[in-house]
Amino acid sequence: MNIEIPDEISKVLEAQVKKEKKFPSVQGYAVYLLKQIAEKIEKTTPVHFSENEEEKVAQRLRALGYID
């Protein structure tokens, strides 16, 4: 996949790469940033359970005495 980065953003990324010297290229830095964002999204996305899974959890919580 290729993503076009507007010039004003590309310039900011280039400056950061030159300043930090942690990344070999703007592409490497952009990939790093996108990974960070993707991880945050995954952590904040609620987990959805099927009815069967929810019932199993409820049964387990009842067996442990957490719910009646």
N, C-alpha and C. Protein backbone atom coordinates (compact mmCIF):
# COMPACT_ATOMS: atom_id res chain seq x y z
N MET A 1 0.85 -1.16 0.00
CA MET A 1 0.00 0.00 0.00
C MET A 1 0.90 1.23 0.00
N ASN A 2 0.52 2.20 -0.76
CA ASN A 2 1.23 3.47 -0.78
C ASN A 2 0.31 4.56 -0.29
N ILE A 3 0.85 5.43 0.53
CA ILE A 3 0.07 6.55 1.07
C ILE A 3 0.78 7.84 0.68
N GLU A 4 0.03 8.76 0.12
CA GLU A 4 0.59 10.06 -0.22
C GLU A 4 0.57 10.95 1.01
N ILE A 5 1.72 11.52 1.32
CA ILE A 5 1.82 12.41 2.48
C ILE A 5 1.95 13.83 1.97
N PRO A 6 1.06 14.73 2.40
CA PRO A 6 1.16 16.12 1.96
C PRO A 6 2.52 16.72 2.32
N ASP A 7 2.98 17.65 1.49
CA ASP A 7 4.31 18.25 1.67
C ASP A 7 4.53 18.83 3.05
N GLU A 8 3.54 19.54 3.61
CA GLU A 8 3.73 20.17 4.92
C GLU A 8 3.97 19.12 6.02
N ILE A 9 3.32 17.98 5.91
CA ILE A 9 3.53 16.91 6.89
C ILE A 9 4.86 16.23 6.63
N SER A 10 5.18 16.01 5.37
CA SER A 10 6.44 15.38 5.01
C SER A 10 7.62 16.20 5.53
N LYS A 11 7.53 17.52 5.44
CA LYS A 11 8.62 18.38 5.92
C LYS A 11 8.80 18.24 7.43
N VAL A 12 7.69 18.15 8.15
CA VAL A 12 7.75 17.97 9.61
C VAL A 12 8.40 16.63 9.94
N LEU A 13 8.02 15.59 9.22
CA LEU A 13 8.59 14.27 9.45
C LEU A 13 10.08 14.25 9.11
N GLU A 14 10.44 14.88 8.01
CA GLU A 14 11.85 14.93 7.62
C GLU A 14 12.68 15.63 8.69
N ALA A 15 12.17 16.75 9.19
CA ALA A 15 12.89 17.49 10.23
C ALA A 15 13.06 16.65 11.48
N GLN A 16 12.03 15.91 11.84
CA GLN A 16 12.09 15.07 13.02
C GLN A 16 13.10 13.93 12.86
N VAL A 17 13.13 13.35 11.67
CA VAL A 17 14.08 12.26 11.39
C VAL A 17 15.52 12.78 11.49
N LYS A 18 15.77 13.96 10.94
CA LYS A 18 17.11 14.55 11.01
C LYS A 18 17.48 14.90 12.44
N LYS A 19 16.53 15.41 13.19
CA LYS A 19 16.77 15.83 14.57
C LYS A 19 17.02 14.64 15.49
N GLU A 20 16.15 13.65 15.43
CA GLU A 20 16.19 12.50 16.34
C GLU A 20 17.25 11.47 15.96
N LYS A 21 17.44 11.26 14.68
CA LYS A 21 18.40 10.26 14.16
C LYS A 21 18.13 8.84 14.67
N LYS A 22 16.87 8.57 15.01
CA LYS A 22 16.50 7.22 15.45
C LYS A 22 15.97 6.37 14.29
N PHE A 23 15.59 7.03 13.21
CA PHE A 23 14.97 6.33 12.09
C PHE A 23 15.79 6.56 10.82
N PRO A 24 15.90 5.53 9.99
CA PRO A 24 16.72 5.65 8.79
C PRO A 24 16.11 6.53 7.70
N SER A 25 14.78 6.71 7.78
CA SER A 25 14.11 7.45 6.71
C SER A 25 12.77 7.98 7.21
N VAL A 26 12.20 8.86 6.40
CA VAL A 26 10.86 9.37 6.72
C VAL A 26 9.87 8.22 6.70
N GLN A 27 10.04 7.31 5.76
CA GLN A 27 9.13 6.15 5.68
C GLN A 27 9.20 5.33 6.96
N GLY A 28 10.41 5.08 7.46
CA GLY A 28 10.55 4.33 8.70
C GLY A 28 9.87 5.02 9.87
N TYR A 29 10.01 6.33 9.93
CA TYR A 29 9.38 7.11 11.00
C TYR A 29 7.86 7.08 10.86
N ALA A 30 7.37 7.23 9.63
CA ALA A 30 5.93 7.20 9.39
C ALA A 30 5.34 5.84 9.77
N VAL A 31 6.05 4.77 9.44
CA VAL A 31 5.58 3.43 9.80
C VAL A 31 5.52 3.29 11.32
N TYR A 32 6.55 3.78 12.00
CA TYR A 32 6.58 3.74 13.46
C TYR A 32 5.37 4.48 14.04
N LEU A 33 5.11 5.68 13.55
CA LEU A 33 3.97 6.46 14.04
C LEU A 33 2.64 5.75 13.79
N LEU A 34 2.50 5.18 12.61
CA LEU A 34 1.26 4.46 12.29
C LEU A 34 1.08 3.24 13.18
N LYS A 35 2.17 2.55 13.49
CA LYS A 35 2.08 1.40 14.40
C LYS A 35 1.62 1.84 15.78
N GLN A 36 2.15 2.96 16.26
CA GLN A 36 1.76 3.49 17.56
C GLN A 36 0.26 3.80 17.59
N ILE A 37 -0.22 4.43 16.53
CA ILE A 37 -1.64 4.76 16.44
C ILE A 37 -2.49 3.50 16.37
N ALA A 38 -2.06 2.53 15.56
CA ALA A 38 -2.82 1.27 15.43
C ALA A 38 -2.91 0.54 16.77
N GLU A 39 -1.81 0.53 17.54
CA GLU A 39 -1.82 -0.12 18.85
C GLU A 39 -2.79 0.58 19.79
N LYS A 40 -2.83 1.90 19.75
CA LYS A 40 -3.78 2.64 20.60
C LYS A 40 -5.21 2.31 20.22
N ILE A 41 -5.46 2.23 18.93
CA ILE A 41 -6.82 1.90 18.46
C ILE A 41 -7.21 0.51 18.95
N GLU A 42 -6.30 -0.45 18.83
CA GLU A 42 -6.60 -1.81 19.28
C GLU A 42 -6.88 -1.86 20.77
N LYS A 43 -6.13 -1.09 21.55
CA LYS A 43 -6.31 -1.08 23.00
C LYS A 43 -7.61 -0.42 23.43
N THR A 44 -8.09 0.54 22.66
CA THR A 44 -9.29 1.27 23.05
C THR A 44 -10.56 0.75 22.38
N THR A 45 -10.42 -0.18 21.44
CA THR A 45 -11.58 -0.74 20.77
C THR A 45 -12.23 -1.77 21.69
N PRO A 46 -13.51 -1.57 21.99
CA PRO A 46 -14.16 -2.52 22.89
C PRO A 46 -14.25 -3.92 22.27
N VAL A 47 -14.16 -4.90 23.13
CA VAL A 47 -14.26 -6.29 22.70
C VAL A 47 -15.73 -6.68 22.69
N HIS A 48 -16.16 -7.31 21.62
CA HIS A 48 -17.55 -7.76 21.51
C HIS A 48 -17.59 -9.28 21.61
N PHE A 49 -18.44 -9.76 22.50
CA PHE A 49 -18.58 -11.20 22.68
C PHE A 49 -19.89 -11.66 22.07
N SER A 50 -19.91 -12.90 21.60
CA SER A 50 -21.16 -13.49 21.12
C SER A 50 -22.03 -13.79 22.34
N GLU A 51 -23.29 -14.06 22.10
CA GLU A 51 -24.20 -14.40 23.21
C GLU A 51 -23.69 -15.63 23.95
N ASN A 52 -23.19 -16.61 23.21
CA ASN A 52 -22.68 -17.84 23.80
C ASN A 52 -21.48 -17.53 24.70
N GLU A 53 -20.58 -16.68 24.22
CA GLU A 53 -19.41 -16.30 25.03
C GLU A 53 -19.82 -15.54 26.29
N GLU A 54 -20.78 -14.63 26.13
CA GLU A 54 -21.25 -13.87 27.29
C GLU A 54 -21.86 -14.79 28.34
N GLU A 55 -22.61 -15.81 27.89
CA GLU A 55 -23.22 -16.75 28.81
C GLU A 55 -22.16 -17.57 29.54
N LYS A 56 -21.12 -17.98 28.83
CA LYS A 56 -20.03 -18.73 29.46
C LYS A 56 -19.34 -17.89 30.53
N VAL A 57 -19.12 -16.61 30.23
CA VAL A 57 -18.49 -15.71 31.21
C VAL A 57 -19.40 -15.57 32.42
N ALA A 58 -20.71 -15.36 32.17
CA ALA A 58 -21.66 -15.21 33.28
C ALA A 58 -21.68 -16.48 34.14
N GLN A 59 -21.67 -17.64 33.51
CA GLN A 59 -21.66 -18.90 34.27
C GLN A 59 -20.40 -19.00 35.12
N ARG A 60 -19.30 -18.62 34.57
CA ARG A 60 -18.04 -18.69 35.32
C ARG A 60 -18.05 -17.71 36.49
N LEU A 61 -18.56 -16.51 36.27
CA LEU A 61 -18.65 -15.53 37.36
C LEU A 61 -19.58 -16.00 38.45
N ARG A 62 -20.70 -16.67 38.05
CA ARG A 62 -21.61 -17.23 39.06
C ARG A 62 -20.90 -18.32 39.86
N ALA A 63 -20.18 -19.20 39.15
CA ALA A 63 -19.48 -20.29 39.82
C ALA A 63 -18.42 -19.77 40.80
N LEU A 64 -17.85 -18.62 40.49
CA LEU A 64 -16.85 -18.03 41.36
C LEU A 64 -17.47 -17.18 42.48
N GLY A 65 -18.79 -16.99 42.39
CA GLY A 65 -19.49 -16.24 43.43
C GLY A 65 -19.49 -14.73 43.23
N TYR A 66 -19.10 -14.28 42.03
CA TYR A 66 -19.07 -12.84 41.79
C TYR A 66 -20.45 -12.27 41.46
N ILE A 67 -21.30 -13.08 40.86
CA ILE A 67 -22.67 -12.64 40.55
C ILE A 67 -23.64 -13.73 40.97
N ASP A 68 -24.90 -13.33 41.17
CA ASP A 68 -25.95 -14.29 41.55
C ASP A 68 -26.73 -14.75 40.36
